[in-house]
Amino acid sequence: MSAKGTSFNEYLMEKLKDPELACHFISEAMQEHDPEYLKVALGEIVKAYGVGYISDQTGIGRQTIYKMLSEKGNPTHRNLVAILDALGLELMVRPKKSLAS
């Protein structure tokens, strides 16, 4: 529950700074196989931390971050990994669960 006088959006932005929640949010977005949804999820977490902070941590210019997370944006693997690293996250690959199990 948010503190009195705190908007839900501010509450949500604060919660998205939790690496566990951010991890689940991005993981769910990736499972949707929709690159637009992934950009939205990543963009919301970047906004929670602040684009300036992410820019400082990654060395990626603010305008470049805005552009890559925009509707027409297409983040490179290098930039995606850099942003995830700044958020305290890492990109992993794991085997799918077997249908026979």
N, C-alpha and C. Protein backbone atom coordinates (compact mmCIF):
# COMPACT_ATOMS: atom_id res chain seq x y z
N MET A 1 0.85 -1.17 0.00
CA MET A 1 0.00 0.00 0.00
C MET A 1 0.89 1.23 0.00
N SER A 2 0.52 2.23 -0.74
CA SER A 2 1.34 3.43 -0.82
C SER A 2 1.05 4.36 0.35
N ALA A 3 2.04 5.17 0.67
CA ALA A 3 1.89 6.14 1.75
C ALA A 3 0.84 7.18 1.36
N LYS A 4 0.20 7.74 2.36
CA LYS A 4 -0.83 8.76 2.11
C LYS A 4 -0.22 9.89 1.29
N GLY A 5 -0.94 10.28 0.23
CA GLY A 5 -0.48 11.37 -0.62
C GLY A 5 0.45 10.94 -1.73
N THR A 6 0.85 9.67 -1.75
CA THR A 6 1.74 9.18 -2.79
C THR A 6 0.88 8.57 -3.90
N SER A 7 1.11 9.00 -5.14
CA SER A 7 0.33 8.45 -6.24
C SER A 7 0.77 7.02 -6.52
N PHE A 8 -0.11 6.29 -7.15
CA PHE A 8 0.21 4.90 -7.50
C PHE A 8 1.42 4.83 -8.42
N ASN A 9 1.51 5.77 -9.36
CA ASN A 9 2.65 5.77 -10.28
C ASN A 9 3.97 5.94 -9.54
N GLU A 10 4.01 6.84 -8.57
CA GLU A 10 5.23 7.03 -7.78
C GLU A 10 5.55 5.76 -6.99
N TYR A 11 4.52 5.15 -6.45
CA TYR A 11 4.68 3.90 -5.70
C TYR A 11 5.25 2.81 -6.61
N LEU A 12 4.66 2.69 -7.82
CA LEU A 12 5.12 1.69 -8.77
C LEU A 12 6.56 1.96 -9.19
N MET A 13 6.90 3.20 -9.46
CA MET A 13 8.27 3.54 -9.86
C MET A 13 9.26 3.16 -8.76
N GLU A 14 8.88 3.35 -7.52
CA GLU A 14 9.76 2.97 -6.41
C GLU A 14 9.91 1.45 -6.35
N LYS A 15 8.83 0.73 -6.55
CA LYS A 15 8.87 -0.74 -6.50
C LYS A 15 9.71 -1.32 -7.63
N LEU A 16 9.68 -0.66 -8.81
CA LEU A 16 10.45 -1.17 -9.95
C LEU A 16 11.95 -1.06 -9.74
N LYS A 17 12.38 -0.36 -8.71
CA LYS A 17 13.81 -0.29 -8.38
C LYS A 17 14.28 -1.55 -7.66
N ASP A 18 13.34 -2.40 -7.25
CA ASP A 18 13.69 -3.66 -6.60
C ASP A 18 14.16 -4.64 -7.68
N PRO A 19 15.42 -5.08 -7.63
CA PRO A 19 15.94 -5.96 -8.68
C PRO A 19 15.11 -7.23 -8.88
N GLU A 20 14.55 -7.77 -7.82
CA GLU A 20 13.73 -8.99 -7.95
C GLU A 20 12.48 -8.71 -8.77
N LEU A 21 11.79 -7.62 -8.46
CA LEU A 21 10.58 -7.27 -9.20
C LEU A 21 10.93 -6.91 -10.65
N ALA A 22 12.00 -6.14 -10.83
CA ALA A 22 12.43 -5.78 -12.18
C ALA A 22 12.77 -7.03 -12.98
N CYS A 23 13.42 -7.98 -12.35
CA CYS A 23 13.78 -9.23 -13.01
C CYS A 23 12.53 -9.97 -13.47
N HIS A 24 11.54 -10.07 -12.61
CA HIS A 24 10.30 -10.76 -12.98
C HIS A 24 9.57 -10.03 -14.10
N PHE A 25 9.54 -8.72 -14.03
CA PHE A 25 8.86 -7.91 -15.05
C PHE A 25 9.52 -8.12 -16.42
N ILE A 26 10.84 -8.03 -16.48
CA ILE A 26 11.54 -8.21 -17.75
C ILE A 26 11.45 -9.66 -18.22
N SER A 27 11.55 -10.61 -17.31
CA SER A 27 11.43 -12.03 -17.69
C SER A 27 10.07 -12.32 -18.30
N GLU A 28 9.02 -11.80 -17.69
CA GLU A 28 7.67 -12.00 -18.23
C GLU A 28 7.55 -11.36 -19.61
N ALA A 29 8.11 -10.18 -19.76
CA ALA A 29 8.06 -9.50 -21.05
C ALA A 29 8.79 -10.32 -22.12
N MET A 30 9.91 -10.91 -21.76
CA MET A 30 10.66 -11.72 -22.72
C MET A 30 9.89 -12.98 -23.10
N GLN A 31 9.15 -13.55 -22.17
CA GLN A 31 8.39 -14.76 -22.45
C GLN A 31 7.21 -14.50 -23.39
N GLU A 32 6.82 -13.26 -23.52
CA GLU A 32 5.73 -12.90 -24.44
C GLU A 32 6.19 -12.90 -25.89
N HIS A 33 7.51 -12.93 -26.12
CA HIS A 33 8.08 -12.91 -27.48
C HIS A 33 7.61 -11.70 -28.27
N ASP A 34 7.46 -10.60 -27.58
CA ASP A 34 7.01 -9.35 -28.20
C ASP A 34 8.05 -8.28 -27.89
N PRO A 35 8.90 -7.93 -28.87
CA PRO A 35 9.96 -6.96 -28.59
C PRO A 35 9.43 -5.60 -28.13
N GLU A 36 8.23 -5.24 -28.56
CA GLU A 36 7.64 -3.97 -28.13
C GLU A 36 7.34 -4.00 -26.64
N TYR A 37 6.81 -5.10 -26.17
CA TYR A 37 6.49 -5.24 -24.75
C TYR A 37 7.77 -5.22 -23.92
N LEU A 38 8.81 -5.87 -24.43
CA LEU A 38 10.09 -5.85 -23.73
C LEU A 38 10.62 -4.44 -23.62
N LYS A 39 10.52 -3.65 -24.70
CA LYS A 39 11.00 -2.25 -24.65
C LYS A 39 10.19 -1.44 -23.64
N VAL A 40 8.88 -1.68 -23.58
CA VAL A 40 8.04 -0.96 -22.62
C VAL A 40 8.45 -1.32 -21.20
N ALA A 41 8.62 -2.61 -20.92
CA ALA A 41 9.01 -3.06 -19.58
C ALA A 41 10.36 -2.47 -19.19
N LEU A 42 11.33 -2.58 -20.08
CA LEU A 42 12.66 -2.04 -19.81
C LEU A 42 12.59 -0.52 -19.63
N GLY A 43 11.80 0.12 -20.47
CA GLY A 43 11.64 1.58 -20.38
C GLY A 43 11.05 2.02 -19.05
N GLU A 44 10.09 1.28 -18.54
CA GLU A 44 9.48 1.64 -17.25
C GLU A 44 10.50 1.52 -16.12
N ILE A 45 11.31 0.49 -16.18
CA ILE A 45 12.33 0.31 -15.13
C ILE A 45 13.41 1.39 -15.26
N VAL A 46 13.81 1.71 -16.47
CA VAL A 46 14.78 2.79 -16.69
C VAL A 46 14.23 4.10 -16.15
N LYS A 47 12.95 4.38 -16.41
CA LYS A 47 12.34 5.61 -15.87
C LYS A 47 12.35 5.61 -14.35
N ALA A 48 12.13 4.44 -13.75
CA ALA A 48 12.13 4.36 -12.29
C ALA A 48 13.48 4.77 -11.72
N TYR A 49 14.54 4.33 -12.36
CA TYR A 49 15.89 4.68 -11.90
C TYR A 49 16.29 6.08 -12.34
N GLY A 50 15.72 6.52 -13.44
CA GLY A 50 16.07 7.81 -14.02
C GLY A 50 17.01 7.61 -15.20
N VAL A 51 16.65 8.20 -16.32
CA VAL A 51 17.45 8.05 -17.53
C VAL A 51 18.85 8.61 -17.31
N GLY A 52 18.96 9.70 -16.56
CA GLY A 52 20.27 10.28 -16.28
C GLY A 52 21.17 9.31 -15.54
N TYR A 53 20.61 8.62 -14.56
CA TYR A 53 21.37 7.63 -13.79
C TYR A 53 21.85 6.50 -14.71
N ILE A 54 20.94 5.98 -15.53
CA ILE A 54 21.29 4.89 -16.43
C ILE A 54 22.34 5.35 -17.43
N SER A 55 22.19 6.56 -17.92
CA SER A 55 23.18 7.12 -18.85
C SER A 55 24.55 7.20 -18.19
N ASP A 56 24.59 7.70 -16.96
CA ASP A 56 25.86 7.80 -16.23
C ASP A 56 26.49 6.43 -16.00
N GLN A 57 25.67 5.44 -15.67
CA GLN A 57 26.18 4.11 -15.35
C GLN A 57 26.64 3.34 -16.58
N THR A 58 26.02 3.62 -17.72
CA THR A 58 26.32 2.84 -18.93
C THR A 58 27.23 3.55 -19.93
N GLY A 59 27.29 4.87 -19.83
CA GLY A 59 28.01 5.64 -20.82
C GLY A 59 27.22 5.83 -22.11
N ILE A 60 25.97 5.43 -22.10
CA ILE A 60 25.08 5.60 -23.26
C ILE A 60 24.38 6.94 -23.07
N GLY A 61 24.39 7.77 -24.10
CA GLY A 61 23.77 9.08 -24.02
C GLY A 61 22.27 8.99 -23.73
N ARG A 62 21.78 9.99 -23.01
CA ARG A 62 20.34 10.03 -22.67
C ARG A 62 19.46 9.94 -23.90
N GLN A 63 19.79 10.71 -24.93
CA GLN A 63 18.98 10.70 -26.14
C GLN A 63 19.00 9.32 -26.81
N THR A 64 20.13 8.66 -26.75
CA THR A 64 20.24 7.31 -27.32
C THR A 64 19.35 6.34 -26.55
N ILE A 65 19.32 6.47 -25.24
CA ILE A 65 18.45 5.62 -24.41
C ILE A 65 16.99 5.86 -24.77
N TYR A 66 16.60 7.13 -24.84
CA TYR A 66 15.22 7.44 -25.21
C TYR A 66 14.89 6.86 -26.58
N LYS A 67 15.81 7.01 -27.53
CA LYS A 67 15.57 6.54 -28.89
C LYS A 67 15.46 5.01 -28.93
N MET A 68 16.37 4.31 -28.27
CA MET A 68 16.35 2.85 -28.35
C MET A 68 15.13 2.25 -27.67
N LEU A 69 14.55 2.96 -26.69
CA LEU A 69 13.38 2.44 -26.01
C LEU A 69 12.08 3.00 -26.58
N SER A 70 12.18 3.79 -27.63
CA SER A 70 11.00 4.35 -28.28
C SER A 70 10.32 3.29 -29.14
N GLU A 71 9.17 3.64 -29.67
CA GLU A 71 8.40 2.72 -30.51
C GLU A 71 9.22 2.22 -31.70
N LYS A 72 10.01 3.09 -32.29
CA LYS A 72 10.82 2.71 -33.45
C LYS A 72 12.23 2.26 -33.06
N GLY A 73 12.54 2.28 -31.77
CA GLY A 73 13.87 1.93 -31.31
C GLY A 73 14.17 0.45 -31.45
N ASN A 74 15.45 0.14 -31.47
CA ASN A 74 15.91 -1.23 -31.58
C ASN A 74 17.23 -1.36 -30.83
N PRO A 75 17.18 -1.61 -29.52
CA PRO A 75 18.42 -1.66 -28.74
C PRO A 75 19.34 -2.78 -29.22
N THR A 76 20.61 -2.47 -29.29
CA THR A 76 21.59 -3.49 -29.63
C THR A 76 21.79 -4.40 -28.42
N HIS A 77 22.36 -5.55 -28.67
CA HIS A 77 22.67 -6.48 -27.57
C HIS A 77 23.58 -5.80 -26.56
N ARG A 78 24.60 -5.10 -27.06
CA ARG A 78 25.54 -4.41 -26.17
C ARG A 78 24.83 -3.41 -25.26
N ASN A 79 23.93 -2.61 -25.83
CA ASN A 79 23.20 -1.62 -25.03
C ASN A 79 22.24 -2.28 -24.05
N LEU A 80 21.57 -3.33 -24.50
CA LEU A 80 20.66 -4.05 -23.61
C LEU A 80 21.41 -4.61 -22.41
N VAL A 81 22.55 -5.25 -22.66
CA VAL A 81 23.35 -5.82 -21.58
C VAL A 81 23.86 -4.72 -20.65
N ALA A 82 24.28 -3.59 -21.20
CA ALA A 82 24.77 -2.47 -20.39
C ALA A 82 23.66 -1.93 -19.49
N ILE A 83 22.47 -1.78 -20.03
CA ILE A 83 21.36 -1.27 -19.23
C ILE A 83 20.99 -2.27 -18.15
N LEU A 84 20.89 -3.55 -18.50
CA LEU A 84 20.59 -4.56 -17.50
C LEU A 84 21.63 -4.56 -16.39
N ASP A 85 22.91 -4.43 -16.76
CA ASP A 85 23.98 -4.39 -15.78
C ASP A 85 23.81 -3.20 -14.84
N ALA A 86 23.45 -2.05 -15.39
CA ALA A 86 23.23 -0.85 -14.56
C ALA A 86 22.06 -1.05 -13.61
N LEU A 87 21.12 -1.90 -13.99
CA LEU A 87 19.95 -2.18 -13.15
C LEU A 87 20.22 -3.31 -12.16
N GLY A 88 21.44 -3.87 -12.21
CA GLY A 88 21.77 -4.97 -11.31
C GLY A 88 21.22 -6.30 -11.80
N LEU A 89 21.01 -6.41 -13.11
CA LEU A 89 20.46 -7.63 -13.71
C LEU A 89 21.42 -8.17 -14.75
N GLU A 90 21.21 -9.42 -15.14
CA GLU A 90 22.02 -10.01 -16.19
C GLU A 90 21.14 -10.83 -17.11
N LEU A 91 21.56 -10.95 -18.35
CA LEU A 91 20.85 -11.73 -19.34
C LEU A 91 21.35 -13.17 -19.26
N MET A 92 20.41 -14.13 -19.19
CA MET A 92 20.78 -15.53 -19.08
C MET A 92 19.97 -16.35 -20.07
N VAL A 93 20.50 -17.49 -20.41
CA VAL A 93 19.80 -18.46 -21.24
C VAL A 93 19.76 -19.75 -20.44
N ARG A 94 18.62 -20.42 -20.49
CA ARG A 94 18.50 -21.70 -19.78
C ARG A 94 17.68 -22.65 -20.64
N PRO A 95 17.83 -23.94 -20.41
CA PRO A 95 17.06 -24.91 -21.19
C PRO A 95 15.57 -24.76 -20.91
N LYS A 96 14.76 -25.00 -21.93
CA LYS A 96 13.32 -25.01 -21.74
C LYS A 96 12.96 -26.24 -20.90
N LYS A 97 11.85 -26.13 -20.22
CA LYS A 97 11.36 -27.29 -19.48
C LYS A 97 10.91 -28.34 -20.49
N SER A 98 11.29 -29.55 -20.24
CA SER A 98 10.95 -30.64 -21.14
C SER A 98 9.46 -30.93 -21.08
N LEU A 99 8.87 -31.19 -22.23
CA LEU A 99 7.46 -31.55 -22.29
C LEU A 99 7.24 -32.97 -21.75
N ALA A 100 8.27 -33.81 -21.79
CA ALA A 100 8.16 -35.19 -21.34
C ALA A 100 8.20 -35.29 -19.82
N SER A 101 8.70 -34.28 -19.14
CA SER A 101 8.84 -34.35 -17.67
C SER A 101 7.54 -34.15 -16.96
